[in-house]
Amino acid sequence: MTQLLTGPVARFIRRAVRFLLPVTCATCSSPLTDDPIPYFCSKCWSAIALHNPSRCPRCDYPFLSTAATSHSRHHLCLSCRQRLPSYTKAWTLYPYLPPLQDAIRLFKYGGKVSLAAPLARLIIDRLPPLESIHLIVPVPLHIDRLREREFNQSLLLADRIGRHLSIPVSCTDLVRISSAPAQTSLPREERLNNLRNAFRVIHPQSIADKRILLIDDVFTTGATVNQCAKALRKAGSGDVFPLTLCRTLDTSHVPDRILAERAHNRPGL
């Protein structure tokens, strides 16, 4: 059955459906034919690349140059040196740039839940070395946000990762109790303080001494995963390891071609 869904028959069906109901790529606007990823052409999707290999060993911040870790692979970024995170080690796999940026916006804000499978596959294909993980926990949404969105994007990703690794997923132990403003609406300094005491563990016995893989979609300042890790550790968990699909970048890390495209597409230009 899997071969049928991914083989020639599936490609023929997609081509036929898209001939009758034309769809264009969300990034380059080219017509889709038998491209397997919803809303994206194969050329754009294959352009998704990993961060450069030189990163902070604690928060996985990508350094501009490999020189940062060439003599000391334990060299921490400035943020981690100033305040060590509550989690043990974080992984952020891809830069938050198109086409992945476009896919996450469609998934998260456009309700295109069919993108959950290909986005989770991007994580599964590049899973870091994980040792003795007992439980997978998605970053929770506040109940008001969950009612508005009708799904938790982090849970949809965590569910697929858990099935791949055969590790249980918990969406009831860690909850968000504060409906603070969305992180995306705040400047960096306010983001760092916005989530203080926003998360609580309601079943401490369920996570006691367990090593936890914490799943989220986007790592920006790291405030969200850090506050989740702080709540989990305070409740008695073992090590907490955030794993996020992608990470926002400072403009110094963004390729010039992306900045040029953004300037070209900005309204009024």
Protein backbone atom coordinates (compact mmCIF):
# COMPACT_ATOMS: atom_id res chain seq x y z
CA MET A 1 0.00 0.00 0.00
CA THR A 2 2.88 2.38 0.83
CA GLN A 3 4.47 1.74 -2.57
CA LEU A 4 1.13 2.47 -4.23
CA LEU A 5 0.84 5.83 -2.43
CA THR A 6 4.39 6.87 -3.28
CA GLY A 7 4.88 5.19 -6.65
CA PRO A 8 3.87 5.84 -10.26
CA VAL A 9 0.14 5.54 -9.57
CA ALA A 10 0.29 8.28 -6.92
CA ARG A 11 2.28 10.53 -9.26
CA PHE A 12 -0.25 10.01 -12.03
CA ILE A 13 -3.15 10.82 -9.69
CA ARG A 14 -1.45 13.99 -8.45
CA ARG A 15 -0.74 15.10 -12.02
CA ALA A 16 -4.34 14.49 -13.06
CA VAL A 17 -5.81 16.28 -10.03
CA ARG A 18 -3.53 19.27 -10.47
CA PHE A 19 -4.37 19.47 -14.16
CA LEU A 20 -8.05 19.79 -13.27
CA LEU A 21 -7.43 21.91 -10.14
CA PRO A 22 -4.25 23.90 -10.80
CA VAL A 23 -2.00 24.65 -7.80
CA THR A 24 1.17 26.74 -7.76
CA CYS A 25 4.23 26.44 -5.55
CA ALA A 26 3.93 28.62 -2.43
CA THR A 27 7.54 29.78 -2.85
CA CYS A 28 8.27 30.17 -6.58
CA SER A 29 4.68 30.16 -7.96
CA SER A 30 5.46 27.55 -10.60
CA PRO A 31 2.61 25.14 -11.45
CA LEU A 32 2.68 21.87 -9.54
CA THR A 33 2.38 18.60 -11.46
CA ASP A 34 3.35 15.36 -9.74
CA ASP A 35 5.40 17.05 -6.99
CA PRO A 36 4.85 14.94 -3.82
CA ILE A 37 4.92 17.75 -1.21
CA PRO A 38 1.64 19.67 -0.89
CA TYR A 39 1.91 23.34 -2.00
CA PHE A 40 5.60 23.07 -2.99
CA CYS A 41 7.49 22.05 -6.10
CA SER A 42 10.25 19.45 -5.79
CA LYS A 43 12.92 21.97 -6.80
CA CYS A 44 12.08 24.37 -3.95
CA TRP A 45 11.64 21.60 -1.36
CA SER A 46 15.00 20.05 -2.25
CA ALA A 47 16.65 23.45 -1.64
CA ILE A 48 16.03 23.15 2.13
CA ALA A 49 19.49 22.84 3.69
CA LEU A 50 20.86 22.31 7.18
CA HIS A 51 22.57 24.95 9.30
CA ASN A 52 26.32 25.23 8.94
CA PRO A 53 28.13 22.67 11.15
CA SER A 54 29.79 25.15 13.54
CA ARG A 55 27.26 25.72 16.34
CA CYS A 56 26.99 26.42 20.04
CA PRO A 57 27.15 23.07 21.87
CA ARG A 58 24.38 24.11 24.26
CA CYS A 59 21.71 26.01 22.27
CA ASP A 60 22.87 25.05 18.75
CA TYR A 61 23.23 28.68 17.68
CA PRO A 62 24.96 28.67 14.25
CA PHE A 63 28.25 30.58 14.29
CA LEU A 64 29.20 32.66 11.27
CA SER A 65 32.56 30.95 10.96
CA THR A 66 33.92 27.49 11.71
CA ALA A 67 36.76 29.27 13.51
CA ALA A 68 34.45 29.66 16.52
CA THR A 69 34.72 25.95 17.33
CA SER A 70 37.84 24.91 15.41
CA HIS A 71 40.03 25.05 18.55
CA SER A 72 37.35 24.40 21.14
CA ARG A 73 34.27 22.40 20.24
CA HIS A 74 32.84 23.32 23.67
CA HIS A 75 32.87 27.07 22.92
CA LEU A 76 29.51 28.56 23.99
CA CYS A 77 27.74 31.44 22.27
CA LEU A 78 27.50 34.78 24.08
CA SER A 79 23.88 34.20 25.12
CA CYS A 80 24.67 30.86 26.80
CA ARG A 81 27.75 32.30 28.48
CA GLN A 82 25.67 35.14 29.94
CA ARG A 83 22.85 32.85 31.15
CA LEU A 84 23.07 29.09 30.83
CA PRO A 85 19.76 27.60 29.61
CA SER A 86 17.73 25.22 31.78
CA TYR A 87 17.83 22.52 29.12
CA THR A 88 20.78 20.18 28.66
CA LYS A 89 21.28 20.44 24.90
CA ALA A 90 19.16 21.86 22.07
CA TRP A 91 19.09 20.99 18.40
CA THR A 92 17.75 23.32 15.70
CA LEU A 93 18.05 21.67 12.30
CA TYR A 94 17.31 24.16 9.52
CA PRO A 95 17.39 27.94 8.97
CA TYR A 96 13.99 29.65 9.06
CA LEU A 97 14.18 30.73 5.43
CA PRO A 98 12.05 30.07 2.33
CA PRO A 99 10.78 27.58 1.33
CA LEU A 100 10.69 26.16 4.87
CA GLN A 101 9.52 29.50 6.24
CA ASP A 102 6.65 29.50 3.74
CA ALA A 103 5.73 25.92 4.66
CA ILE A 104 5.63 26.63 8.39
CA ARG A 105 3.46 29.71 7.91
CA LEU A 106 0.99 27.69 5.82
CA PHE A 107 1.05 24.87 8.36
CA LYS A 108 0.84 26.98 11.49
CA TYR A 109 -1.30 29.95 10.47
CA GLY A 110 -2.99 28.69 7.32
CA GLY A 111 -4.25 25.44 8.78
CA LYS A 112 -2.56 23.31 6.10
CA VAL A 113 -2.15 20.26 8.34
CA SER A 114 -1.25 18.09 5.35
CA LEU A 115 2.22 19.64 5.71
CA ALA A 116 2.70 17.96 9.10
CA ALA A 117 3.98 14.74 7.52
CA PRO A 118 6.64 16.28 5.21
CA LEU A 119 7.78 18.71 7.92
CA ALA A 120 8.12 15.87 10.43
CA ARG A 121 10.02 13.90 7.80
CA LEU A 122 12.57 16.74 7.59
CA ILE A 123 13.20 16.22 11.30
CA ILE A 124 13.22 12.42 11.16
CA ASP A 125 15.68 12.39 8.27
CA ARG A 126 18.15 14.48 10.30
CA LEU A 127 17.58 13.26 13.84
CA PRO A 128 20.58 13.98 16.10
CA PRO A 129 22.06 11.22 18.27
CA LEU A 130 19.49 10.61 21.01
CA GLU A 131 20.42 8.50 24.01
CA SER A 132 17.95 7.05 26.51
CA ILE A 133 15.02 9.35 25.77
CA HIS A 134 12.05 8.20 27.85
CA LEU A 135 9.34 10.65 26.78
CA ILE A 136 8.54 13.12 24.00
CA VAL A 137 6.74 16.32 24.99
CA PRO A 138 5.48 18.93 22.52
CA VAL A 139 5.55 22.59 23.52
CA PRO A 140 1.94 23.23 24.61
CA LEU A 141 -0.43 25.96 23.48
CA HIS A 142 -2.65 27.89 25.85
CA ILE A 143 -6.23 26.64 25.68
CA ASP A 144 -7.42 29.91 24.11
CA ARG A 145 -4.84 29.65 21.31
CA LEU A 146 -5.66 25.97 20.84
CA ARG A 147 -9.36 26.76 20.42
CA GLU A 148 -8.49 29.46 17.89
CA ARG A 149 -6.06 27.34 15.84
CA GLU A 150 -7.82 23.99 16.47
CA PHE A 151 -4.54 22.07 16.53
CA ASN A 152 -1.10 22.22 18.13
CA GLN A 153 1.50 22.14 15.36
CA SER A 154 4.18 20.91 17.78
CA LEU A 155 2.01 17.96 18.81
CA LEU A 156 1.45 16.96 15.18
CA LEU A 157 5.22 16.91 14.66
CA ALA A 158 5.88 15.13 17.97
CA ASP A 159 3.33 12.43 17.19
CA ARG A 160 5.13 11.42 14.01
CA ILE A 161 8.55 11.56 15.64
CA GLY A 162 7.31 9.45 18.54
CA ARG A 163 5.93 6.79 16.21
CA HIS A 164 9.22 6.71 14.28
CA LEU A 165 11.29 6.33 17.46
CA SER A 166 8.74 4.15 19.30
CA ILE A 167 8.84 6.59 22.23
CA PRO A 168 5.63 7.66 24.02
CA VAL A 169 4.37 11.21 23.48
CA SER A 170 2.73 13.17 26.30
CA CYS A 171 0.52 16.19 25.62
CA THR A 172 -1.08 16.33 29.09
CA ASP A 173 1.80 16.58 31.55
CA LEU A 174 3.16 19.99 30.52
CA VAL A 175 0.53 22.72 30.05
CA ARG A 176 0.58 26.42 29.34
CA ILE A 177 -1.28 28.36 32.01
CA SER A 178 -0.64 31.91 30.83
CA SER A 179 -2.20 33.47 27.72
CA ALA A 180 0.57 36.03 27.31
CA PRO A 181 0.91 37.82 23.94
CA ALA A 182 2.30 35.70 21.09
CA GLN A 183 6.09 35.70 20.98
CA THR A 184 6.06 36.77 17.33
CA SER A 185 4.40 40.07 18.29
CA LEU A 186 7.15 41.12 20.74
CA PRO A 187 10.70 42.46 20.44
CA ARG A 188 13.55 40.26 21.64
CA GLU A 189 13.91 41.62 25.18
CA GLU A 190 10.19 41.36 25.88
CA ARG A 191 10.11 37.81 24.49
CA LEU A 192 12.66 36.73 27.06
CA ASN A 193 10.39 37.88 29.91
CA ASN A 194 7.00 37.20 28.34
CA LEU A 195 6.87 33.51 29.28
CA ARG A 196 8.01 33.57 32.91
CA ASN A 197 5.90 31.05 34.84
CA ALA A 198 3.78 30.42 31.73
CA PHE A 199 4.16 26.62 31.90
CA ARG A 200 3.32 24.08 34.59
CA VAL A 201 3.67 20.33 35.02
CA ILE A 202 0.38 18.94 36.32
CA HIS A 203 1.45 15.30 36.66
CA PRO A 204 4.96 15.43 38.17
CA GLN A 205 4.96 11.70 38.84
CA SER A 206 4.64 11.02 35.11
CA ILE A 207 7.87 12.82 34.22
CA ALA A 208 9.94 12.10 37.36
CA ASP A 209 13.59 11.40 36.44
CA LYS A 210 12.68 10.93 32.76
CA ARG A 211 14.91 12.24 30.00
CA ILE A 212 12.63 14.32 27.78
CA LEU A 213 12.76 15.28 24.11
CA LEU A 214 10.92 18.62 23.82
CA ILE A 215 9.49 19.32 20.34
CA ASP A 216 8.68 22.71 18.80
CA ASP A 217 8.55 24.10 15.28
CA VAL A 218 10.62 27.33 15.44
CA PHE A 219 13.42 28.43 17.78
CA THR A 220 13.65 32.24 17.94
CA THR A 221 15.17 33.52 21.18
CA GLY A 222 14.82 30.14 22.86
CA ALA A 223 12.65 31.61 25.61
CA THR A 224 9.78 29.18 24.98
CA VAL A 225 11.78 25.95 25.13
CA ASN A 226 13.84 27.28 28.02
CA GLN A 227 10.77 28.06 30.14
CA CYS A 228 9.33 24.64 29.29
CA ALA A 229 12.58 22.99 30.33
CA LYS A 230 12.66 25.02 33.54
CA ALA A 231 9.14 23.86 34.46
CA LEU A 232 9.99 20.23 33.67
CA ARG A 233 13.22 20.24 35.65
CA LYS A 234 11.55 21.99 38.60
CA ALA A 235 8.91 19.24 38.61
CA GLY A 236 11.58 16.55 38.81
CA SER A 237 12.33 15.47 35.26
CA GLY A 238 15.73 14.32 34.07
CA ASP A 239 17.61 16.06 31.27
CA VAL A 240 15.53 18.02 28.75
CA PHE A 241 16.56 18.17 25.09
CA PRO A 242 14.69 20.66 22.86
CA LEU A 243 14.51 19.68 19.20
CA THR A 244 13.12 22.29 16.81
CA LEU A 245 12.59 22.07 13.08
CA CYS A 246 14.19 25.42 12.33
CA ARG A 247 15.66 28.59 13.77
CA THR A 248 15.27 32.26 12.93
CA LEU A 249 18.48 33.97 11.91
CA ASP A 250 20.08 37.36 12.48
CA THR A 251 20.30 39.33 9.24
CA SER A 252 24.06 38.73 9.27
CA HIS A 253 23.34 35.03 8.73
CA VAL A 254 20.79 35.47 5.94
CA PRO A 255 22.16 35.02 2.40
CA ASP A 256 22.27 38.21 0.34
CA ARG A 257 19.93 36.73 -2.29
CA ILE A 258 17.21 36.25 0.37
CA LEU A 259 17.57 39.84 1.59
CA ALA A 260 17.38 41.07 -2.02
CA GLU A 261 14.23 39.05 -2.66
CA ARG A 262 12.61 40.40 0.53
CA ALA A 263 13.41 43.99 -0.50
CA HIS A 264 12.03 43.35 -3.99
CA ASN A 265 8.80 41.86 -2.67
CA ARG A 266 8.20 44.48 0.03
CA PRO A 267 4.96 46.43 -0.58
CA GLY A 268 5.50 49.91 -2.00
CA LEU A 269 8.71 49.04 -3.84
